[in-house]
Amino acid sequence: MEIVKKDIRSLSLEDLIADFQTAGHPAFRAKQTYEWLWKKGARAFDEMSNLSLEMRQWLNEHYAILSVSIFTSRTSADGTIKMAFKLHDDAIVEGVLIPTETRMTACVSSQVGCSLSCSFCATGFLKRQRNLEAAEIYDQVWLIDQLARTSYNMPLSNIVFMGMGEPLLNYANVMSGIEKITKPEGLGMSPSRITVSTAGIAKMIKKLGDDGVKFNLALSLHAANNTKRSAIMPINDSNPLEDLIEALNYFYKKTKRKITLEYAVMNDTNDGLEEADELVKFAKKVPCKVNLIEYNPIDLAAFKGSSTDKIANFAKRIESKDIIVNIRRSRGKDIDAACGQLANKL
């Protein structure tokens, strides 16, 4: 009778120790195995060189490592690298390495596809197939870190959950993945270097506050008027701006972490001075800063990016009201790796 192999990375350390002891193996061997999986990023049991051959054979017989691999990658003229990750079931998600002189940022996905249907975002046109497991989130970070080291001789410094999917609709796996990335027995990265971006799920934003998270939160706002926002982001119908303001203040009260408002500036859609004033009104109600993002056109939608002058005037209007504002220039636009462009276009 064939043994059904367990996904070893779905087990907690306590579960693994229990399995080892039941099979007559000492607990410290389970701890060594766990360290290989999460601290050293082992892709196969044969890599676990401080375990005996017999132990590795036993692991191979009873467990599987459902690892993620880089299927394809493309490098932009500006050095940004986009990669398609192949999952164990042949599903594909995308991630991006964004290099600068001082930092290496990984943009990672949380779902295969997305269910929110934001009309300006390429991923929104994909059907949501499934959530990513915690190990699949971890693997993206591990692989992008290896790429940063080999391509730029620098380790990963920052992680943004701004790839495919809505992180707060995959709450448990995203939280578990971040735990594996930040814990000393994992990759040991600082949670303050991680930003989770949400389209705005009010009750889950409150849950982040209740859970006392140490990472940063960004809200994909893109319009600060309910009618305009609902037209481009259907999620706003069930999570209107008033609910988001309440949830974001609750999050800040619990964590003392200021929120980033992300605003992709689209020509003749949300880039007028009236929209700037609406954004100021919203921003005044939440402890935050504003990131204005150059919009990246996609084939499936008619939206266009605003001109440099228009974005500058928009930023000036916000800044004049004592709101901290940054303009984020697009990276990787030529390889469809920029914000809003991830749609498995390999």
C-alpha atoms as a PDB file:
ATOM      1  CA  MET A   1       0.000   0.000   0.000  1.00  0.00           C
ATOM      2  CA  GLU A   2       1.426   3.347  -1.077  1.00  0.00           C
ATOM      3  CA  ILE A   3       2.077   5.891   1.672  1.00  0.00           C
ATOM      4  CA  VAL A   4       0.286   9.203   1.133  1.00  0.00           C
ATOM      5  CA  LYS A   5       2.961  11.811   1.658  1.00  0.00           C
ATOM      6  CA  LYS A   6       2.265  14.790   3.914  1.00  0.00           C
ATOM      7  CA  ASP A   7       3.086  18.327   2.840  1.00  0.00           C
ATOM      8  CA  ILE A   8       5.818  18.789   5.441  1.00  0.00           C
ATOM      9  CA  ARG A   9       5.711  22.569   5.351  1.00  0.00           C
ATOM     10  CA  SER A  10       2.043  22.576   6.350  1.00  0.00           C
ATOM     11  CA  LEU A  11       3.104  21.198   9.748  1.00  0.00           C
ATOM     12  CA  SER A  12       4.050  23.243  12.791  1.00  0.00           C
ATOM     13  CA  LEU A  13       7.260  22.418  14.632  1.00  0.00           C
ATOM     14  CA  GLU A  14       5.139  20.777  17.339  1.00  0.00           C
ATOM     15  CA  ASP A  15       3.376  18.614  14.744  1.00  0.00           C
ATOM     16  CA  LEU A  16       6.703  17.627  13.217  1.00  0.00           C
ATOM     17  CA  ILE A  17       8.186  16.691  16.590  1.00  0.00           C
ATOM     18  CA  ALA A  18       5.122  14.545  17.339  1.00  0.00           C
ATOM     19  CA  ASP A  19       5.480  12.744  13.978  1.00  0.00           C
ATOM     20  CA  PHE A  20       9.200  12.117  14.539  1.00  0.00           C
ATOM     21  CA  GLN A  21       8.696  10.796  18.055  1.00  0.00           C
ATOM     22  CA  THR A  22       5.852   8.515  16.949  1.00  0.00           C
ATOM     23  CA  ALA A  23       8.243   7.033  14.376  1.00  0.00           C
ATOM     24  CA  GLY A  24      10.959   6.611  17.024  1.00  0.00           C
ATOM     25  CA  HIS A  25      13.124   9.569  15.990  1.00  0.00           C
ATOM     26  CA  PRO A  26      14.407  12.119  18.549  1.00  0.00           C
ATOM     27  CA  ALA A  27      12.826  15.576  18.767  1.00  0.00           C
ATOM     28  CA  PHE A  28      16.065  17.375  17.899  1.00  0.00           C
ATOM     29  CA  ARG A  29      16.008  15.733  14.441  1.00  0.00           C
ATOM     30  CA  ALA A  30      12.616  17.328  13.819  1.00  0.00           C
ATOM     31  CA  LYS A  31      14.086  20.692  14.854  1.00  0.00           C
ATOM     32  CA  GLN A  32      17.005  20.211  12.454  1.00  0.00           C
ATOM     33  CA  THR A  33      14.591  19.361   9.648  1.00  0.00           C
ATOM     34  CA  TYR A  34      12.435  22.399  10.454  1.00  0.00           C
ATOM     35  CA  GLU A  35      15.507  24.637  10.333  1.00  0.00           C
ATOM     36  CA  TRP A  36      16.444  23.251   6.925  1.00  0.00           C
ATOM     37  CA  LEU A  37      12.954  23.996   5.636  1.00  0.00           C
ATOM     38  CA  TRP A  38      12.503  27.531   6.954  1.00  0.00           C
ATOM     39  CA  LYS A  39      15.926  28.991   7.776  1.00  0.00           C
ATOM     40  CA  LYS A  40      17.937  27.442   4.957  1.00  0.00           C
ATOM     41  CA  GLY A  41      15.196  27.149   2.344  1.00  0.00           C
ATOM     42  CA  ALA A  42      15.862  23.493   1.502  1.00  0.00           C
ATOM     43  CA  ARG A  43      14.125  22.404  -1.704  1.00  0.00           C
ATOM     44  CA  ALA A  44      14.773  18.664  -1.185  1.00  0.00           C
ATOM     45  CA  PHE A  45      15.461  16.334   1.740  1.00  0.00           C
ATOM     46  CA  ASP A  46      18.767  15.265   0.155  1.00  0.00           C
ATOM     47  CA  GLU A  47      20.080  18.782   0.833  1.00  0.00           C
ATOM     48  CA  MET A  48      19.799  18.182   4.596  1.00  0.00           C
ATOM     49  CA  SER A  49      23.427  17.193   4.990  1.00  0.00           C
ATOM     50  CA  ASN A  50      23.512  16.865   8.798  1.00  0.00           C
ATOM     51  CA  LEU A  51      20.804  14.199   8.692  1.00  0.00           C
ATOM     52  CA  SER A  52      21.752  10.563   8.111  1.00  0.00           C
ATOM     53  CA  LEU A  53      21.025   8.916   4.769  1.00  0.00           C
ATOM     54  CA  GLU A  54      18.518   6.689   6.537  1.00  0.00           C
ATOM     55  CA  MET A  55      16.723   9.713   8.017  1.00  0.00           C
ATOM     56  CA  ARG A  56      16.587  11.432   4.620  1.00  0.00           C
ATOM     57  CA  GLN A  57      15.164   8.292   3.034  1.00  0.00           C
ATOM     58  CA  TRP A  58      12.491   8.136   5.739  1.00  0.00           C
ATOM     59  CA  LEU A  59      11.607  11.785   5.109  1.00  0.00           C
ATOM     60  CA  ASN A  60      11.394  11.141   1.356  1.00  0.00           C
ATOM     61  CA  GLU A  61       9.057   8.217   1.949  1.00  0.00           C
ATOM     62  CA  HIS A  62       6.656  10.077   4.258  1.00  0.00           C
ATOM     63  CA  TYR A  63       6.756  13.748   3.277  1.00  0.00           C
ATOM     64  CA  ALA A  64       6.804  16.066   0.260  1.00  0.00           C
ATOM     65  CA  ILE A  65       8.257  19.556  -0.124  1.00  0.00           C
ATOM     66  CA  LEU A  66       5.818  21.309  -2.463  1.00  0.00           C
ATOM     67  CA  SER A  67       8.289  23.950  -3.520  1.00  0.00           C
ATOM     68  CA  VAL A  68       7.866  26.873  -5.903  1.00  0.00           C
ATOM     69  CA  SER A  69      10.208  27.357  -8.859  1.00  0.00           C
ATOM     70  CA  ILE A  70      11.005  30.228 -11.207  1.00  0.00           C
ATOM     71  CA  PHE A  71       9.354  29.319 -14.518  1.00  0.00           C
ATOM     72  CA  THR A  72      10.470  32.358 -16.524  1.00  0.00           C
ATOM     73  CA  SER A  73      12.095  35.714 -15.782  1.00  0.00           C
ATOM     74  CA  ARG A  74      12.597  38.946 -17.693  1.00  0.00           C
ATOM     75  CA  THR A  75      14.852  41.890 -16.896  1.00  0.00           C
ATOM     76  CA  SER A  76      13.779  45.479 -17.551  1.00  0.00           C
ATOM     77  CA  ALA A  77      16.011  48.203 -18.951  1.00  0.00           C
ATOM     78  CA  ASP A  78      15.940  49.752 -15.448  1.00  0.00           C
ATOM     79  CA  GLY A  79      17.147  46.525 -13.793  1.00  0.00           C
ATOM     80  CA  THR A  80      13.770  45.394 -12.462  1.00  0.00           C
ATOM     81  CA  ILE A  81      13.325  41.614 -12.786  1.00  0.00           C
ATOM     82  CA  LYS A  82       9.876  40.065 -13.210  1.00  0.00           C
ATOM     83  CA  MET A  83       9.471  36.349 -12.704  1.00  0.00           C
ATOM     84  CA  ALA A  84       6.698  33.844 -13.168  1.00  0.00           C
ATOM     85  CA  PHE A  85       6.600  31.339 -10.325  1.00  0.00           C
ATOM     86  CA  LYS A  86       5.332  27.845 -11.048  1.00  0.00           C
ATOM     87  CA  LEU A  87       3.477  26.233  -8.129  1.00  0.00           C
ATOM     88  CA  HIS A  88       3.268  22.499  -7.401  1.00  0.00           C
ATOM     89  CA  ASP A  89      -0.086  22.248  -9.241  1.00  0.00           C
ATOM     90  CA  ASP A  90       1.328  24.124 -12.290  1.00  0.00           C
ATOM     91  CA  ALA A  91      -0.549  27.322 -11.398  1.00  0.00           C
ATOM     92  CA  ILE A  92       1.410  30.513 -12.111  1.00  0.00           C
ATOM     93  CA  VAL A  93       1.828  33.695 -10.076  1.00  0.00           C
ATOM     94  CA  GLU A  94       4.179  36.605 -10.649  1.00  0.00           C
ATOM     95  CA  GLY A  95       6.681  38.416  -8.474  1.00  0.00           C
ATOM     96  CA  VAL A  96       9.084  41.288  -9.027  1.00  0.00           C
ATOM     97  CA  LEU A  97      12.542  42.268  -7.768  1.00  0.00           C
ATOM     98  CA  ILE A  98      12.906  46.051  -7.704  1.00  0.00           C
ATOM     99  CA  PRO A  99      16.534  47.101  -7.189  1.00  0.00           C
ATOM    100  CA  THR A 100      17.911  50.513  -6.204  1.00  0.00           C
ATOM    101  CA  GLU A 101      21.347  51.523  -4.960  1.00  0.00           C
ATOM    102  CA  THR A 102      20.231  51.306  -1.330  1.00  0.00           C
ATOM    103  CA  ARG A 103      17.529  48.632  -1.234  1.00  0.00           C
ATOM    104  CA  MET A 104      16.255  45.441  -2.804  1.00  0.00           C
ATOM    105  CA  THR A 105      12.469  45.160  -2.750  1.00  0.00           C
ATOM    106  CA  ALA A 106      10.440  42.025  -3.454  1.00  0.00           C
ATOM    107  CA  CYS A 107       6.873  42.428  -4.700  1.00  0.00           C
ATOM    108  CA  VAL A 108       5.038  39.154  -3.983  1.00  0.00           C
ATOM    109  CA  SER A 109       1.630  37.645  -4.692  1.00  0.00           C
ATOM    110  CA  SER A 110      -0.911  36.267  -2.225  1.00  0.00           C
ATOM    111  CA  GLN A 111      -3.451  34.585  -4.533  1.00  0.00           C
ATOM    112  CA  VAL A 112      -3.555  32.873  -7.917  1.00  0.00           C
ATOM    113  CA  GLY A 113      -5.567  35.515  -9.752  1.00  0.00           C
ATOM    114  CA  CYS A 114      -7.881  37.921  -7.926  1.00  0.00           C
ATOM    115  CA  SER A 115     -11.595  38.194  -7.176  1.00  0.00           C
ATOM    116  CA  LEU A 116     -11.893  41.979  -6.792  1.00  0.00           C
ATOM    117  CA  SER A 117     -12.140  43.019 -10.483  1.00  0.00           C
ATOM    118  CA  CYS A 118     -10.617  46.495 -10.109  1.00  0.00           C
ATOM    119  CA  SER A 119     -11.132  47.921 -13.588  1.00  0.00           C
ATOM    120  CA  PHE A 120      -7.682  49.527 -13.989  1.00  0.00           C
ATOM    121  CA  CYS A 121      -5.625  46.508 -12.835  1.00  0.00           C
ATOM    122  CA  ALA A 122      -4.556  43.656 -15.117  1.00  0.00           C
ATOM    123  CA  THR A 123      -4.761  41.087 -12.324  1.00  0.00           C
ATOM    124  CA  GLY A 124      -8.387  42.111 -11.763  1.00  0.00           C
ATOM    125  CA  PHE A 125      -9.249  40.604 -15.151  1.00  0.00           C
ATOM    126  CA  LEU A 126      -7.995  37.180 -14.061  1.00  0.00           C
ATOM    127  CA  LYS A 127     -10.269  34.690 -12.354  1.00  0.00           C
ATOM    128  CA  ARG A 128      -9.236  33.865  -8.778  1.00  0.00           C
ATOM    129  CA  GLN A 129      -8.200  30.205  -8.750  1.00  0.00           C
ATOM    130  CA  ARG A 130      -7.034  29.751  -5.168  1.00  0.00           C
ATOM    131  CA  ASN A 131      -5.189  31.203  -2.223  1.00  0.00           C
ATOM    132  CA  LEU A 132      -1.442  30.751  -1.899  1.00  0.00           C
ATOM    133  CA  GLU A 133      -0.217  28.621   0.990  1.00  0.00           C
ATOM    134  CA  ALA A 134       2.125  30.138   3.585  1.00  0.00           C
ATOM    135  CA  ALA A 135       5.039  28.121   2.161  1.00  0.00           C
ATOM    136  CA  GLU A 136       4.321  29.443  -1.349  1.00  0.00           C
ATOM    137  CA  ILE A 137       4.473  33.014  -0.043  1.00  0.00           C
ATOM    138  CA  TYR A 138       7.720  32.199   1.784  1.00  0.00           C
ATOM    139  CA  ASP A 139       9.186  30.608  -1.376  1.00  0.00           C
ATOM    140  CA  GLN A 140       8.621  33.754  -3.428  1.00  0.00           C
ATOM    141  CA  VAL A 141      10.599  35.757  -0.872  1.00  0.00           C
ATOM    142  CA  TRP A 142      13.327  33.113  -0.652  1.00  0.00           C
ATOM    143  CA  LEU A 143      13.734  32.927  -4.439  1.00  0.00           C
ATOM    144  CA  ILE A 144      13.715  36.710  -4.931  1.00  0.00           C
ATOM    145  CA  ASP A 145      16.300  37.065  -2.147  1.00  0.00           C
ATOM    146  CA  GLN A 146      18.559  34.537  -3.918  1.00  0.00           C
ATOM    147  CA  LEU A 147      18.082  36.474  -7.159  1.00  0.00           C
ATOM    148  CA  ALA A 148      18.972  39.774  -5.471  1.00  0.00           C
ATOM    149  CA  ARG A 149      22.175  38.240  -4.106  1.00  0.00           C
ATOM    150  CA  THR A 150      23.264  36.660  -7.399  1.00  0.00           C
ATOM    151  CA  SER A 151      22.197  39.546  -9.677  1.00  0.00           C
ATOM    152  CA  TYR A 152      23.073  42.554  -7.510  1.00  0.00           C
ATOM    153  CA  ASN A 153      25.231  41.179  -4.702  1.00  0.00           C
ATOM    154  CA  MET A 154      22.755  42.536  -2.141  1.00  0.00           C
ATOM    155  CA  PRO A 155      20.254  40.722   0.090  1.00  0.00           C
ATOM    156  CA  LEU A 156      16.566  41.506   0.048  1.00  0.00           C
ATOM    157  CA  SER A 157      15.775  44.504   2.255  1.00  0.00           C
ATOM    158  CA  ASN A 158      12.034  45.089   1.772  1.00  0.00           C
ATOM    159  CA  ILE A 159       8.908  43.104   0.910  1.00  0.00           C
ATOM    160  CA  VAL A 160       5.644  44.465  -0.433  1.00  0.00           C
ATOM    161  CA  PHE A 161       2.474  42.402  -0.808  1.00  0.00           C
ATOM    162  CA  MET A 162       1.434  44.267  -3.942  1.00  0.00           C
ATOM    163  CA  GLY A 163       1.496  41.421  -6.456  1.00  0.00           C
ATOM    164  CA  MET A 164      -1.438  39.285  -7.559  1.00  0.00           C
ATOM    165  CA  GLY A 165      -4.433  38.894  -5.250  1.00  0.00           C
ATOM    166  CA  GLU A 166      -5.904  40.566  -2.167  1.00  0.00           C
ATOM    167  CA  PRO A 167      -3.783  39.643   0.890  1.00  0.00           C
ATOM    168  CA  LEU A 168      -6.569  40.186   3.419  1.00  0.00           C
ATOM    169  CA  LEU A 169      -8.781  37.647   1.617  1.00  0.00           C
ATOM    170  CA  ASN A 170      -6.030  35.095   2.307  1.00  0.00           C
ATOM    171  CA  TYR A 171      -5.504  36.289   5.861  1.00  0.00           C
ATOM    172  CA  ALA A 172      -4.341  33.120   7.645  1.00  0.00           C
ATOM    173  CA  ASN A 173      -1.782  32.099   5.011  1.00  0.00           C
ATOM    174  CA  VAL A 174      -0.410  35.629   4.594  1.00  0.00           C
ATOM    175  CA  MET A 175       0.022  35.971   8.362  1.00  0.00           C
ATOM    176  CA  SER A 176       1.652  32.536   8.597  1.00  0.00           C
ATOM    177  CA  GLY A 177       3.916  33.301   5.629  1.00  0.00           C
ATOM    178  CA  ILE A 178       5.035  36.583   7.212  1.00  0.00           C
ATOM    179  CA  GLU A 179       5.695  34.717  10.459  1.00  0.00           C
ATOM    180  CA  LYS A 180       8.016  32.284   8.608  1.00  0.00           C
ATOM    181  CA  ILE A 181       9.765  35.222   6.920  1.00  0.00           C
ATOM    182  CA  THR A 182      10.277  37.232  10.120  1.00  0.00           C
ATOM    183  CA  LYS A 183      10.834  34.674  12.898  1.00  0.00           C
ATOM    184  CA  PRO A 184      14.476  33.962  13.927  1.00  0.00           C
ATOM    185  CA  GLU A 185      13.903  30.287  13.082  1.00  0.00           C
ATOM    186  CA  GLY A 186      12.822  31.432   9.602  1.00  0.00           C
ATOM    187  CA  LEU A 187      14.435  34.145   7.453  1.00  0.00           C
ATOM    188  CA  GLY A 188      14.682  36.599  10.353  1.00  0.00           C
ATOM    189  CA  MET A 189      13.638  39.654   8.329  1.00  0.00           C
ATOM    190  CA  SER A 190      12.296  42.695  10.169  1.00  0.00           C
ATOM    191  CA  PRO A 191       8.480  43.068  10.004  1.00  0.00           C
ATOM    192  CA  SER A 192       8.974  46.835   9.786  1.00  0.00           C
ATOM    193  CA  ARG A 193      10.417  46.200   6.295  1.00  0.00           C
ATOM    194  CA  ILE A 194       7.217  44.507   5.135  1.00  0.00           C
ATOM    195  CA  THR A 195       4.168  46.302   3.716  1.00  0.00           C
ATOM    196  CA  VAL A 196       0.835  44.591   3.119  1.00  0.00           C
ATOM    197  CA  SER A 197      -1.343  46.401   0.589  1.00  0.00           C
ATOM    198  CA  THR A 198      -5.117  45.989   0.620  1.00  0.00           C
ATOM    199  CA  ALA A 199      -7.922  47.201  -1.637  1.00  0.00           C
ATOM    200  CA  GLY A 200      -9.826  47.802   1.605  1.00  0.00           C
ATOM    201  CA  ILE A 201     -11.510  45.011   3.587  1.00  0.00           C
ATOM    202  CA  ALA A 202     -12.603  46.931   6.681  1.00  0.00           C
ATOM    203  CA  LYS A 203     -13.225  44.029   9.077  1.00  0.00           C
ATOM    204  CA  MET A 204      -9.871  42.425   8.194  1.00  0.00           C
ATOM    205  CA  ILE A 205      -8.037  45.738   8.687  1.00  0.00           C
ATOM    206  CA  LYS A 206      -9.501  45.749  12.206  1.00  0.00           C
ATOM    207  CA  LYS A 207      -8.349  42.158  12.674  1.00  0.00           C
ATOM    208  CA  LEU A 208      -4.802  43.233  11.789  1.00  0.00           C
ATOM    209  CA  GLY A 209      -5.092  45.750  14.618  1.00  0.00           C
ATOM    210  CA  ASP A 210      -6.449  43.148  17.039  1.00  0.00           C
ATOM    211  CA  ASP A 211      -3.572  40.835  16.103  1.00  0.00           C
ATOM    212  CA  GLY A 212      -1.076  43.613  16.862  1.00  0.00           C
ATOM    213  CA  VAL A 213       0.880  43.231  13.636  1.00  0.00           C
ATOM    214  CA  LYS A 214       4.340  44.771  13.388  1.00  0.00           C
ATOM    215  CA  PHE A 215       4.372  45.234   9.614  1.00  0.00           C
ATOM    216  CA  ASN A 216       3.139  48.242   7.621  1.00  0.00           C
ATOM    217  CA  LEU A 217      -0.274  48.649   6.018  1.00  0.00           C
ATOM    218  CA  ALA A 218      -1.063  50.355   2.712  1.00  0.00           C
ATOM    219  CA  LEU A 219      -4.527  51.091   1.341  1.00  0.00           C
ATOM    220  CA  SER A 220      -5.039  51.088  -2.429  1.00  0.00           C
ATOM    221  CA  LEU A 221      -7.326  54.109  -2.473  1.00  0.00           C
ATOM    222  CA  HIS A 222      -7.225  55.576  -6.023  1.00  0.00           C
ATOM    223  CA  ALA A 223     -10.323  57.732  -5.422  1.00  0.00           C
ATOM    224  CA  ALA A 224     -11.552  59.450  -2.261  1.00  0.00           C
ATOM    225  CA  ASN A 225     -15.179  59.747  -3.312  1.00  0.00           C
ATOM    226  CA  ASN A 226     -17.490  56.730  -2.917  1.00  0.00           C
ATOM    227  CA  THR A 227     -19.160  57.086  -6.318  1.00  0.00           C
ATOM    228  CA  LYS A 228     -15.862  57.440  -8.194  1.00  0.00           C
ATOM    229  CA  ARG A 229     -14.147  54.706  -6.191  1.00  0.00           C
ATOM    230  CA  SER A 230     -16.988  52.206  -6.639  1.00  0.00           C
ATOM    231  CA  ALA A 231     -16.846  52.820 -10.400  1.00  0.00           C
ATOM    232  CA  ILE A 232     -13.242  51.570 -10.584  1.00  0.00           C
ATOM    233  CA  MET A 233     -13.122  49.354  -7.469  1.00  0.00           C
ATOM    234  CA  PRO A 234     -16.324  47.324  -6.886  1.00  0.00           C
ATOM    235  CA  ILE A 235     -15.078  46.324  -3.394  1.00  0.00           C
ATOM    236  CA  ASN A 236     -15.968  49.880  -2.341  1.00  0.00           C
ATOM    237  CA  ASP A 237     -19.685  49.013  -2.527  1.00  0.00           C
ATOM    238  CA  SER A 238     -19.365  46.744   0.506  1.00  0.00           C
ATOM    239  CA  ASN A 239     -16.452  48.629   2.110  1.00  0.00           C
ATOM    240  CA  PRO A 240     -17.191  52.338   1.617  1.00  0.00           C
ATOM    241  CA  LEU A 241     -14.790  55.088   2.583  1.00  0.00           C
ATOM    242  CA  GLU A 242     -16.517  55.785   5.905  1.00  0.00           C
ATOM    243  CA  ASP A 243     -15.982  52.157   7.001  1.00  0.00           C
ATOM    244  CA  LEU A 244     -12.366  52.261   5.865  1.00  0.00           C
ATOM    245  CA  ILE A 245     -11.675  55.452   7.819  1.00  0.00           C
ATOM    246  CA  GLU A 246     -13.064  53.805  10.959  1.00  0.00           C
ATOM    247  CA  ALA A 247     -11.056  50.609  10.350  1.00  0.00           C
ATOM    248  CA  LEU A 248      -7.790  52.442   9.608  1.00  0.00           C
ATOM    249  CA  ASN A 249      -8.087  54.539  12.766  1.00  0.00           C
ATOM    250  CA  TYR A 250      -8.793  51.370  14.749  1.00  0.00           C
ATOM    251  CA  PHE A 251      -5.669  49.789  13.189  1.00  0.00           C
ATOM    252  CA  TYR A 252      -3.568  52.846  14.110  1.00  0.00           C
ATOM    253  CA  LYS A 253      -4.923  52.940  17.658  1.00  0.00           C
ATOM    254  CA  LYS A 254      -3.940  49.284  18.151  1.00  0.00           C
ATOM    255  CA  THR A 255      -0.546  49.298  16.377  1.00  0.00           C
ATOM    256  CA  LYS A 256       0.600  52.958  16.309  1.00  0.00           C
ATOM    257  CA  ARG A 257       1.680  52.357  12.689  1.00  0.00           C
ATOM    258  CA  LYS A 258       0.782  55.078  10.170  1.00  0.00           C
ATOM    259  CA  ILE A 259      -0.961  53.972   7.001  1.00  0.00           C
ATOM    260  CA  THR A 260       0.201  54.605   3.437  1.00  0.00           C
ATOM    261  CA  LEU A 261      -2.498  55.682   0.995  1.00  0.00           C
ATOM    262  CA  GLU A 262      -1.684  54.494  -2.521  1.00  0.00           C
ATOM    263  CA  TYR A 263      -3.139  56.523  -5.351  1.00  0.00           C
ATOM    264  CA  ALA A 264      -2.511  55.583  -8.996  1.00  0.00           C
ATOM    265  CA  VAL A 265      -2.931  58.835 -10.936  1.00  0.00           C
ATOM    266  CA  MET A 266      -5.050  58.294 -14.070  1.00  0.00           C
ATOM    267  CA  ASN A 267      -5.574  60.938 -16.729  1.00  0.00           C
ATOM    268  CA  ASP A 268      -9.004  62.633 -16.585  1.00  0.00           C
ATOM    269  CA  THR A 269     -10.200  59.975 -14.132  1.00  0.00           C
ATOM    270  CA  ASN A 270      -8.856  60.939 -10.704  1.00  0.00           C
ATOM    271  CA  ASP A 271      -6.177  63.570 -11.344  1.00  0.00           C
ATOM    272  CA  GLY A 272      -8.066  66.869 -11.106  1.00  0.00           C
ATOM    273  CA  LEU A 273      -7.717  69.396  -8.297  1.00  0.00           C
ATOM    274  CA  GLU A 274     -11.223  68.453  -7.109  1.00  0.00           C
ATOM    275  CA  GLU A 275     -10.002  64.871  -6.653  1.00  0.00           C
ATOM    276  CA  ALA A 276      -6.874  66.159  -4.905  1.00  0.00           C
ATOM    277  CA  ASP A 277      -9.069  68.030  -2.433  1.00  0.00           C
ATOM    278  CA  GLU A 278     -11.159  64.874  -1.851  1.00  0.00           C
ATOM    279  CA  LEU A 279      -7.937  62.963  -1.165  1.00  0.00           C
ATOM    280  CA  VAL A 280      -6.823  65.643   1.308  1.00  0.00           C
ATOM    281  CA  LYS A 281     -10.180  65.440   3.096  1.00  0.00           C
ATOM    282  CA  PHE A 282      -9.795  61.653   3.436  1.00  0.00           C
ATOM    283  CA  ALA A 283      -6.131  61.846   4.466  1.00  0.00           C
ATOM    284  CA  LYS A 284      -6.915  64.373   7.208  1.00  0.00           C
ATOM    285  CA  LYS A 285      -9.118  61.726   8.896  1.00  0.00           C
ATOM    286  CA  VAL A 286      -6.426  59.010   9.051  1.00  0.00           C
ATOM    287  CA  PRO A 287      -2.813  59.053  10.370  1.00  0.00           C
ATOM    288  CA  CYS A 288      -1.115  58.565   7.014  1.00  0.00           C
ATOM    289  CA  LYS A 289       1.145  59.596   4.177  1.00  0.00           C
ATOM    290  CA  VAL A 290       0.248  59.528   0.481  1.00  0.00           C
ATOM    291  CA  ASN A 291       2.100  57.745  -2.315  1.00  0.00           C
ATOM    292  CA  LEU A 292       1.146  58.949  -5.786  1.00  0.00           C
ATOM    293  CA  ILE A 293       1.847  56.201  -8.298  1.00  0.00           C
ATOM    294  CA  GLU A 294       2.384  56.691 -12.019  1.00  0.00           C
ATOM    295  CA  TYR A 295      -0.420  54.697 -13.636  1.00  0.00           C
ATOM    296  CA  ASN A 296       0.680  51.976 -16.042  1.00  0.00           C
ATOM    297  CA  PRO A 297      -1.778  51.415 -18.916  1.00  0.00           C
ATOM    298  CA  ILE A 298      -2.917  47.860 -19.648  1.00  0.00           C
ATOM    299  CA  ASP A 299      -4.338  46.333 -22.842  1.00  0.00           C
ATOM    300  CA  LEU A 300      -7.645  45.409 -21.211  1.00  0.00           C
ATOM    301  CA  ALA A 301      -8.614  48.903 -20.012  1.00  0.00           C
ATOM    302  CA  ALA A 302      -8.846  52.377 -21.535  1.00  0.00           C
ATOM    303  CA  PHE A 303      -7.253  54.255 -18.612  1.00  0.00           C
ATOM    304  CA  LYS A 304      -4.178  56.359 -19.347  1.00  0.00           C
ATOM    305  CA  GLY A 305      -1.456  57.681 -17.092  1.00  0.00           C
ATOM    306  CA  SER A 306      -1.393  61.362 -16.186  1.00  0.00           C
ATOM    307  CA  SER A 307       1.335  63.659 -17.453  1.00  0.00           C
ATOM    308  CA  THR A 308       4.334  64.477 -15.290  1.00  0.00           C
ATOM    309  CA  ASP A 309       3.090  68.088 -14.924  1.00  0.00           C
ATOM    310  CA  LYS A 310      -0.390  66.976 -13.872  1.00  0.00           C
ATOM    311  CA  ILE A 311       1.010  64.629 -11.236  1.00  0.00           C
ATOM    312  CA  ALA A 312       3.315  67.384  -9.961  1.00  0.00           C
ATOM    313  CA  ASN A 313       0.390  69.827  -9.639  1.00  0.00           C
ATOM    314  CA  PHE A 314      -1.712  67.165  -7.925  1.00  0.00           C
ATOM    315  CA  ALA A 315       1.113  66.512  -5.447  1.00  0.00           C
ATOM    316  CA  LYS A 316       1.630  70.239  -4.861  1.00  0.00           C
ATOM    317  CA  ARG A 317      -2.050  70.686  -4.000  1.00  0.00           C
ATOM    318  CA  ILE A 318      -1.904  67.872  -1.427  1.00  0.00           C
ATOM    319  CA  GLU A 319       1.396  69.050   0.019  1.00  0.00           C
ATOM    320  CA  SER A 320      -0.009  72.567   0.455  1.00  0.00           C
ATOM    321  CA  LYS A 321      -2.501  71.068   2.925  1.00  0.00           C
ATOM    322  CA  ASP A 322       0.315  69.658   5.112  1.00  0.00           C
ATOM    323  CA  ILE A 323      -0.041  66.059   3.926  1.00  0.00           C
ATOM    324  CA  ILE A 324       3.182  64.087   3.386  1.00  0.00           C
ATOM    325  CA  VAL A 325       3.201  63.004  -0.261  1.00  0.00           C
ATOM    326  CA  ASN A 326       5.687  61.049  -2.389  1.00  0.00           C
ATOM    327  CA  ILE A 327       5.617  60.446  -6.140  1.00  0.00           C
ATOM    328  CA  ARG A 328       6.505  56.843  -6.999  1.00  0.00           C
ATOM    329  CA  ARG A 329       7.949  56.430 -10.480  1.00  0.00           C
ATOM    330  CA  SER A 330       7.124  53.232 -12.338  1.00  0.00           C
ATOM    331  CA  ARG A 331       9.728  50.497 -12.543  1.00  0.00           C
ATOM    332  CA  GLY A 332       9.724  47.614 -15.010  1.00  0.00           C
ATOM    333  CA  LYS A 333       7.042  49.117 -17.250  1.00  0.00           C
ATOM    334  CA  ASP A 334       8.707  47.753 -20.404  1.00  0.00           C
ATOM    335  CA  ILE A 335       8.294  44.132 -19.216  1.00  0.00           C
ATOM    336  CA  ASP A 336       4.778  44.511 -17.742  1.00  0.00           C
ATOM    337  CA  ALA A 337       6.233  44.353 -14.237  1.00  0.00           C
ATOM    338  CA  ALA A 338       4.993  47.710 -12.976  1.00  0.00           C
ATOM    339  CA  CYS A 339       2.172  48.348 -10.521  1.00  0.00           C
ATOM    340  CA  GLY A 340      -1.144  46.992 -11.850  1.00  0.00           C
ATOM    341  CA  GLN A 341       0.413  45.138 -14.782  1.00  0.00           C
ATOM    342  CA  LEU A 342       0.822  41.607 -13.374  1.00  0.00           C
ATOM    343  CA  ALA A 343      -1.388  39.281 -15.407  1.00  0.00           C
ATOM    344  CA  ASN A 344       0.727  36.228 -16.268  1.00  0.00           C
ATOM    345  CA  LYS A 345       1.892  37.864 -19.471  1.00  0.00           C
ATOM    346  CA  LEU A 346       5.065  35.781 -19.726  1.00  0.00           C
END
